[in-house]
Amino acid sequence: MKAYQNSIKLPPYSRGFHLITSRVLKALPEVESIRIGFLQVFIKHTSASLTLNENADPTVRQDFESHFNRMIPENAPYYQHTYEGTDDMPAHLKNAVLGSTVQIPITNGKPNLGIWQGIYLCEHRNFAGSRTLVITALGD
């Protein structure tokens, strides 16, 4: 079994949902040497998250942002963790809902994604800094 891993630091992104598939794959070209296996992407933060979804129509990403902002609003009167800003506690909750990891099968040296699937960085803070990803590929 082969194992490869790399950490990358993404530049700051604005609040919202952003396609990062090409950045992830560029950071771990060894994926091409794996016939069958898994690619895992992990974000080392609690106020941003990762998910897989539509990679073609940008309005999907806009709708994600709108929906999550309604589902998990800022300034909820019951939030106690408020000293890092009104967007911080909702960002933690959004991370808990979406998650910190995506896992994708590797088939014949390529991520076996659906034709319309891509990896999203889900940035939940208004003024976030860079984000660190750990990208791991395992397989034969």
N, C-alpha and C. Protein backbone atom coordinates (compact mmCIF):
# COMPACT_ATOMS: atom_id res chain seq x y z
N MET A 1 0.84 -1.18 0.00
CA MET A 1 0.00 0.00 0.00
C MET A 1 0.88 1.25 0.00
N LYS A 2 0.48 2.22 -0.79
CA LYS A 2 1.17 3.50 -0.85
C LYS A 2 0.44 4.51 0.03
N ALA A 3 1.19 5.41 0.62
CA ALA A 3 0.62 6.49 1.42
C ALA A 3 1.36 7.78 1.13
N TYR A 4 0.60 8.80 0.84
CA TYR A 4 1.17 10.12 0.54
C TYR A 4 0.39 11.16 1.34
N GLN A 5 1.11 12.20 1.76
CA GLN A 5 0.44 13.27 2.51
C GLN A 5 1.15 14.59 2.29
N ASN A 6 0.36 15.64 2.23
CA ASN A 6 0.90 16.99 2.08
C ASN A 6 -0.05 17.96 2.78
N SER A 7 0.52 18.99 3.36
CA SER A 7 -0.29 20.08 3.93
C SER A 7 -0.13 21.30 3.05
N ILE A 8 -1.24 21.98 2.83
CA ILE A 8 -1.18 23.22 2.06
C ILE A 8 -1.91 24.32 2.82
N LYS A 9 -1.46 25.53 2.59
CA LYS A 9 -2.09 26.69 3.18
C LYS A 9 -2.82 27.42 2.06
N LEU A 10 -4.14 27.49 2.20
CA LEU A 10 -4.94 28.23 1.22
C LEU A 10 -4.87 29.72 1.53
N PRO A 11 -4.94 30.56 0.51
CA PRO A 11 -5.00 32.00 0.78
C PRO A 11 -6.36 32.32 1.41
N PRO A 12 -6.48 33.48 2.04
CA PRO A 12 -7.79 33.86 2.59
C PRO A 12 -8.85 33.92 1.49
N TYR A 13 -10.01 33.38 1.79
CA TYR A 13 -11.17 33.44 0.89
C TYR A 13 -12.25 34.27 1.57
N SER A 14 -13.07 34.90 0.78
CA SER A 14 -14.20 35.63 1.33
C SER A 14 -15.22 34.63 1.89
N ARG A 15 -16.11 35.12 2.71
CA ARG A 15 -17.16 34.27 3.26
C ARG A 15 -17.96 33.67 2.11
N GLY A 16 -18.23 32.37 2.20
CA GLY A 16 -19.00 31.71 1.15
C GLY A 16 -18.43 30.33 0.86
N PHE A 17 -18.88 29.78 -0.25
CA PHE A 17 -18.54 28.42 -0.66
C PHE A 17 -17.70 28.50 -1.93
N HIS A 18 -16.50 27.90 -1.90
CA HIS A 18 -15.53 28.07 -2.97
C HIS A 18 -15.02 26.72 -3.46
N LEU A 19 -14.93 26.54 -4.77
CA LEU A 19 -14.38 25.31 -5.34
C LEU A 19 -12.86 25.30 -5.19
N ILE A 20 -12.34 24.22 -4.62
CA ILE A 20 -10.89 24.11 -4.42
C ILE A 20 -10.34 22.79 -4.96
N THR A 21 -11.11 22.08 -5.75
CA THR A 21 -10.70 20.77 -6.25
C THR A 21 -9.33 20.81 -6.92
N SER A 22 -9.12 21.75 -7.82
CA SER A 22 -7.85 21.79 -8.56
C SER A 22 -6.68 22.10 -7.63
N ARG A 23 -6.86 22.96 -6.65
CA ARG A 23 -5.78 23.26 -5.69
C ARG A 23 -5.40 22.00 -4.90
N VAL A 24 -6.42 21.24 -4.50
CA VAL A 24 -6.16 20.02 -3.73
C VAL A 24 -5.39 19.02 -4.57
N LEU A 25 -5.82 18.79 -5.79
CA LEU A 25 -5.16 17.79 -6.64
C LEU A 25 -3.75 18.22 -7.03
N LYS A 26 -3.56 19.50 -7.23
CA LYS A 26 -2.23 20.01 -7.57
C LYS A 26 -1.26 19.81 -6.40
N ALA A 27 -1.77 19.82 -5.18
CA ALA A 27 -0.91 19.70 -4.00
C ALA A 27 -0.45 18.27 -3.74
N LEU A 28 -1.11 17.29 -4.37
CA LEU A 28 -0.72 15.90 -4.14
C LEU A 28 -0.74 15.13 -5.47
N PRO A 29 0.24 15.41 -6.35
CA PRO A 29 0.25 14.76 -7.66
C PRO A 29 0.46 13.24 -7.59
N GLU A 30 0.91 12.75 -6.44
CA GLU A 30 1.12 11.31 -6.27
C GLU A 30 -0.17 10.50 -6.40
N VAL A 31 -1.30 11.16 -6.33
CA VAL A 31 -2.59 10.49 -6.53
C VAL A 31 -2.57 9.72 -7.85
N GLU A 32 -1.88 10.26 -8.84
CA GLU A 32 -1.84 9.63 -10.17
C GLU A 32 -1.20 8.24 -10.14
N SER A 33 -0.43 7.94 -9.10
CA SER A 33 0.23 6.63 -9.01
C SER A 33 -0.63 5.57 -8.32
N ILE A 34 -1.80 5.95 -7.87
CA ILE A 34 -2.66 5.01 -7.13
C ILE A 34 -3.74 4.47 -8.06
N ARG A 35 -3.80 3.15 -8.18
CA ARG A 35 -4.79 2.50 -9.03
C ARG A 35 -6.16 2.44 -8.35
N ILE A 36 -6.15 2.09 -7.04
CA ILE A 36 -7.38 2.03 -6.27
C ILE A 36 -7.07 2.47 -4.85
N GLY A 37 -7.86 3.40 -4.33
CA GLY A 37 -7.59 3.91 -2.99
C GLY A 37 -8.54 5.01 -2.60
N PHE A 38 -8.07 5.84 -1.66
CA PHE A 38 -8.88 6.93 -1.14
C PHE A 38 -8.06 8.21 -1.01
N LEU A 39 -8.72 9.32 -1.27
CA LEU A 39 -8.16 10.65 -1.04
C LEU A 39 -8.96 11.28 0.08
N GLN A 40 -8.25 11.71 1.11
CA GLN A 40 -8.92 12.39 2.22
C GLN A 40 -8.39 13.81 2.31
N VAL A 41 -9.29 14.75 2.50
CA VAL A 41 -8.93 16.15 2.69
C VAL A 41 -9.51 16.58 4.04
N PHE A 42 -8.65 17.14 4.89
CA PHE A 42 -9.02 17.55 6.24
C PHE A 42 -8.66 19.02 6.43
N ILE A 43 -9.57 19.80 6.99
CA ILE A 43 -9.29 21.21 7.28
C ILE A 43 -9.01 21.37 8.77
N LYS A 44 -7.91 22.05 9.09
CA LYS A 44 -7.47 22.18 10.47
C LYS A 44 -8.05 23.43 11.14
N HIS A 45 -9.36 23.60 11.01
CA HIS A 45 -10.02 24.78 11.56
C HIS A 45 -11.43 24.41 12.00
N THR A 46 -11.98 25.21 12.91
CA THR A 46 -13.33 24.94 13.41
C THR A 46 -14.35 25.98 12.96
N SER A 47 -13.94 26.94 12.17
CA SER A 47 -14.89 27.95 11.69
C SER A 47 -14.95 27.98 10.16
N ALA A 48 -14.46 26.91 9.54
CA ALA A 48 -14.61 26.69 8.11
C ALA A 48 -14.81 25.18 7.96
N SER A 49 -15.29 24.76 6.81
CA SER A 49 -15.55 23.33 6.63
C SER A 49 -15.32 22.93 5.19
N LEU A 50 -15.52 21.65 4.93
CA LEU A 50 -15.37 21.09 3.59
C LEU A 50 -16.62 20.29 3.25
N THR A 51 -16.96 20.27 1.97
CA THR A 51 -18.04 19.41 1.50
C THR A 51 -17.84 19.15 0.01
N LEU A 52 -18.58 18.19 -0.51
CA LEU A 52 -18.61 17.91 -1.95
C LEU A 52 -19.97 18.33 -2.48
N ASN A 53 -19.96 19.01 -3.64
CA ASN A 53 -21.22 19.35 -4.25
C ASN A 53 -21.00 19.86 -5.66
N GLU A 54 -22.03 20.47 -6.22
CA GLU A 54 -22.10 20.97 -7.60
C GLU A 54 -20.88 21.81 -7.96
N ASN A 55 -20.23 21.47 -9.08
CA ASN A 55 -19.03 22.22 -9.48
C ASN A 55 -19.24 23.08 -10.72
N ALA A 56 -20.45 23.12 -11.27
CA ALA A 56 -20.65 23.83 -12.54
C ALA A 56 -21.35 25.18 -12.36
N ASP A 57 -22.47 25.20 -11.72
CA ASP A 57 -23.29 26.41 -11.62
C ASP A 57 -22.96 27.16 -10.33
N PRO A 58 -22.38 28.35 -10.41
CA PRO A 58 -21.99 29.10 -9.21
C PRO A 58 -23.18 29.52 -8.35
N THR A 59 -24.38 29.53 -8.91
CA THR A 59 -25.53 29.91 -8.08
C THR A 59 -25.81 28.87 -7.00
N VAL A 60 -25.36 27.63 -7.19
CA VAL A 60 -25.50 26.62 -6.15
C VAL A 60 -24.73 27.06 -4.91
N ARG A 61 -23.51 27.55 -5.11
CA ARG A 61 -22.70 27.99 -3.98
C ARG A 61 -23.32 29.22 -3.30
N GLN A 62 -23.91 30.10 -4.08
CA GLN A 62 -24.61 31.25 -3.50
C GLN A 62 -25.82 30.80 -2.68
N ASP A 63 -26.55 29.83 -3.20
CA ASP A 63 -27.71 29.31 -2.47
C ASP A 63 -27.30 28.60 -1.19
N PHE A 64 -26.17 27.89 -1.21
CA PHE A 64 -25.65 27.28 0.01
C PHE A 64 -25.44 28.35 1.07
N GLU A 65 -24.76 29.42 0.71
CA GLU A 65 -24.48 30.49 1.66
C GLU A 65 -25.77 31.09 2.20
N SER A 66 -26.72 31.38 1.34
CA SER A 66 -28.00 31.95 1.77
C SER A 66 -28.73 31.00 2.71
N HIS A 67 -28.78 29.73 2.35
CA HIS A 67 -29.51 28.76 3.17
C HIS A 67 -28.86 28.58 4.54
N PHE A 68 -27.54 28.41 4.58
CA PHE A 68 -26.88 28.21 5.86
C PHE A 68 -26.99 29.44 6.76
N ASN A 69 -27.02 30.63 6.17
CA ASN A 69 -27.18 31.84 6.97
C ASN A 69 -28.58 31.93 7.58
N ARG A 70 -29.57 31.38 6.91
CA ARG A 70 -30.92 31.35 7.49
C ARG A 70 -31.05 30.22 8.51
N MET A 71 -30.45 29.09 8.20
CA MET A 71 -30.55 27.92 9.07
C MET A 71 -29.78 28.13 10.38
N ILE A 72 -28.63 28.80 10.29
CA ILE A 72 -27.77 29.05 11.46
C ILE A 72 -27.46 30.55 11.48
N PRO A 73 -28.35 31.34 12.07
CA PRO A 73 -28.20 32.80 12.00
C PRO A 73 -27.15 33.35 12.97
N GLU A 74 -26.71 34.54 12.67
CA GLU A 74 -25.87 35.28 13.61
C GLU A 74 -26.78 35.92 14.66
N ASN A 75 -26.17 36.32 15.78
CA ASN A 75 -26.85 37.06 16.84
C ASN A 75 -28.01 36.32 17.49
N ALA A 76 -27.98 35.01 17.53
CA ALA A 76 -29.02 34.28 18.24
C ALA A 76 -28.90 34.63 19.73
N PRO A 77 -30.01 34.94 20.37
CA PRO A 77 -29.94 35.42 21.76
C PRO A 77 -29.40 34.39 22.75
N TYR A 78 -29.39 33.13 22.40
CA TYR A 78 -28.91 32.08 23.31
C TYR A 78 -27.43 31.78 23.15
N TYR A 79 -26.74 32.38 22.16
CA TYR A 79 -25.30 32.15 22.01
C TYR A 79 -24.58 32.76 23.21
N GLN A 80 -23.68 31.99 23.80
CA GLN A 80 -22.84 32.50 24.88
C GLN A 80 -21.43 32.81 24.39
N HIS A 81 -20.98 32.09 23.39
CA HIS A 81 -19.65 32.29 22.82
C HIS A 81 -19.76 33.42 21.79
N THR A 82 -19.56 34.66 22.24
CA THR A 82 -19.76 35.82 21.36
C THR A 82 -18.56 36.75 21.29
N TYR A 83 -17.52 36.50 22.08
CA TYR A 83 -16.42 37.46 22.18
C TYR A 83 -15.50 37.48 20.95
N GLU A 84 -15.64 36.53 20.03
CA GLU A 84 -14.81 36.53 18.81
C GLU A 84 -15.56 37.10 17.61
N GLY A 85 -16.75 37.64 17.84
CA GLY A 85 -17.52 38.24 16.75
C GLY A 85 -18.84 37.53 16.54
N THR A 86 -19.77 38.23 15.93
CA THR A 86 -21.11 37.67 15.73
C THR A 86 -21.13 36.53 14.72
N ASP A 87 -20.09 36.42 13.90
CA ASP A 87 -20.04 35.34 12.91
C ASP A 87 -19.32 34.10 13.43
N ASP A 88 -18.71 34.16 14.62
CA ASP A 88 -17.86 33.05 15.08
C ASP A 88 -18.66 31.83 15.54
N MET A 89 -19.62 32.00 16.43
CA MET A 89 -20.38 30.83 16.90
C MET A 89 -21.16 30.19 15.76
N PRO A 90 -21.83 30.97 14.90
CA PRO A 90 -22.47 30.33 13.75
C PRO A 90 -21.47 29.57 12.87
N ALA A 91 -20.25 30.08 12.75
CA ALA A 91 -19.22 29.39 11.96
C ALA A 91 -18.89 28.03 12.57
N HIS A 92 -18.80 27.95 13.89
CA HIS A 92 -18.54 26.66 14.55
C HIS A 92 -19.69 25.69 14.31
N LEU A 93 -20.92 26.19 14.38
CA LEU A 93 -22.08 25.32 14.16
C LEU A 93 -22.13 24.83 12.71
N LYS A 94 -21.83 25.70 11.77
CA LYS A 94 -21.81 25.30 10.35
C LYS A 94 -20.75 24.24 10.12
N ASN A 95 -19.59 24.39 10.78
CA ASN A 95 -18.54 23.37 10.68
C ASN A 95 -19.04 22.03 11.22
N ALA A 96 -19.78 22.08 12.33
CA ALA A 96 -20.29 20.83 12.92
C ALA A 96 -21.29 20.15 11.99
N VAL A 97 -22.07 20.93 11.26
CA VAL A 97 -23.06 20.37 10.34
C VAL A 97 -22.39 19.81 9.08
N LEU A 98 -21.47 20.56 8.49
CA LEU A 98 -20.84 20.16 7.22
C LEU A 98 -19.65 19.23 7.41
N GLY A 99 -18.84 19.47 8.41
CA GLY A 99 -17.71 18.61 8.69
C GLY A 99 -16.36 19.17 8.27
N SER A 100 -15.33 18.53 8.76
CA SER A 100 -13.95 18.95 8.52
C SER A 100 -13.22 18.08 7.51
N THR A 101 -13.87 17.03 7.02
CA THR A 101 -13.20 16.06 6.16
C THR A 101 -14.10 15.65 5.00
N VAL A 102 -13.48 15.48 3.84
CA VAL A 102 -14.14 14.80 2.73
C VAL A 102 -13.25 13.64 2.31
N GLN A 103 -13.87 12.56 1.89
CA GLN A 103 -13.13 11.40 1.41
C GLN A 103 -13.67 11.00 0.04
N ILE A 104 -12.75 10.78 -0.89
CA ILE A 104 -13.11 10.51 -2.28
C ILE A 104 -12.37 9.26 -2.74
N PRO A 105 -13.04 8.33 -3.41
CA PRO A 105 -12.32 7.18 -3.95
C PRO A 105 -11.37 7.60 -5.07
N ILE A 106 -10.26 6.90 -5.14
CA ILE A 106 -9.31 7.08 -6.25
C ILE A 106 -9.43 5.85 -7.13
N THR A 107 -9.61 6.07 -8.43
CA THR A 107 -9.68 4.98 -9.40
C THR A 107 -8.76 5.31 -10.57
N ASN A 108 -7.80 4.45 -10.82
CA ASN A 108 -6.86 4.62 -11.93
C ASN A 108 -6.20 5.99 -11.93
N GLY A 109 -5.73 6.41 -10.74
CA GLY A 109 -4.95 7.63 -10.62
C GLY A 109 -5.73 8.93 -10.62
N LYS A 110 -7.06 8.83 -10.52
CA LYS A 110 -7.88 10.05 -10.52
C LYS A 110 -8.95 9.97 -9.44
N PRO A 111 -9.32 11.12 -8.88
CA PRO A 111 -10.44 11.09 -7.93
C PRO A 111 -11.71 10.67 -8.68
N ASN A 112 -12.42 9.72 -8.12
CA ASN A 112 -13.61 9.18 -8.77
C ASN A 112 -14.84 9.98 -8.35
N LEU A 113 -14.85 11.24 -8.78
CA LEU A 113 -15.96 12.15 -8.50
C LEU A 113 -17.01 12.04 -9.59
N GLY A 114 -18.24 12.38 -9.24
CA GLY A 114 -19.28 12.49 -10.24
C GLY A 114 -18.96 13.66 -11.17
N ILE A 115 -19.54 13.64 -12.34
CA ILE A 115 -19.22 14.66 -13.36
C ILE A 115 -19.44 16.09 -12.86
N TRP A 116 -20.41 16.29 -11.98
CA TRP A 116 -20.73 17.64 -11.50
C TRP A 116 -20.26 17.87 -10.07
N GLN A 117 -19.38 17.03 -9.54
CA GLN A 117 -18.95 17.18 -8.15
C GLN A 117 -17.60 17.87 -8.04
N GLY A 118 -17.48 18.68 -7.00
CA GLY A 118 -16.22 19.33 -6.69
C GLY A 118 -16.08 19.49 -5.19
N ILE A 119 -14.86 19.76 -4.75
CA ILE A 119 -14.57 19.98 -3.33
C ILE A 119 -14.78 21.46 -3.03
N TYR A 120 -15.59 21.72 -2.01
CA TYR A 120 -15.83 23.10 -1.57
C TYR A 120 -15.05 23.40 -0.30
N LEU A 121 -14.41 24.56 -0.26
CA LEU A 121 -14.03 25.19 1.00
C LEU A 121 -15.24 26.02 1.40
N CYS A 122 -15.75 25.78 2.58
CA CYS A 122 -16.90 26.52 3.09
C CYS A 122 -16.36 27.50 4.13
N GLU A 123 -16.20 28.74 3.73
CA GLU A 123 -15.64 29.76 4.62
C GLU A 123 -16.81 30.44 5.34
N HIS A 124 -16.83 30.30 6.66
CA HIS A 124 -17.97 30.79 7.44
C HIS A 124 -17.69 32.10 8.18
N ARG A 125 -16.48 32.61 8.10
CA ARG A 125 -16.15 33.86 8.80
C ARG A 125 -16.12 35.02 7.82
N ASN A 126 -16.43 36.21 8.33
CA ASN A 126 -16.42 37.42 7.50
C ASN A 126 -15.01 37.84 7.10
N PHE A 127 -14.06 37.71 8.02
CA PHE A 127 -12.69 38.16 7.75
C PHE A 127 -11.71 37.08 8.18
N ALA A 128 -11.78 35.95 7.53
CA ALA A 128 -10.92 34.82 7.89
C ALA A 128 -9.53 34.99 7.29
N GLY A 129 -8.60 34.31 7.90
CA GLY A 129 -7.25 34.27 7.36
C GLY A 129 -7.08 33.05 6.47
N SER A 130 -5.83 32.67 6.27
CA SER A 130 -5.56 31.49 5.46
C SER A 130 -6.05 30.24 6.19
N ARG A 131 -6.27 29.19 5.44
CA ARG A 131 -6.76 27.92 6.00
C ARG A 131 -5.78 26.82 5.60
N THR A 132 -5.52 25.90 6.53
CA THR A 132 -4.59 24.80 6.27
C THR A 132 -5.36 23.52 6.04
N LEU A 133 -4.99 22.81 4.97
CA LEU A 133 -5.56 21.52 4.65
C LEU A 133 -4.49 20.46 4.75
N VAL A 134 -4.87 19.28 5.23
CA VAL A 134 -4.01 18.10 5.19
C VAL A 134 -4.65 17.15 4.18
N ILE A 135 -3.87 16.81 3.16
CA ILE A 135 -4.37 15.99 2.06
C ILE A 135 -3.61 14.66 2.11
N THR A 136 -4.37 13.56 2.18
CA THR A 136 -3.77 12.24 2.31
C THR A 136 -4.34 11.32 1.24
N ALA A 137 -3.48 10.56 0.61
CA ALA A 137 -3.91 9.55 -0.36
C ALA A 137 -3.33 8.20 0.07
N LEU A 138 -4.21 7.20 0.06
CA LEU A 138 -3.82 5.83 0.41
C LEU A 138 -4.33 4.89 -0.65
N GLY A 139 -3.52 3.90 -1.01
CA GLY A 139 -4.00 2.91 -1.96
C GLY A 139 -2.88 2.13 -2.60
N ASP A 140 -3.29 1.31 -3.57
CA ASP A 140 -2.34 0.48 -4.32
C ASP A 140 -2.21 0.97 -5.75
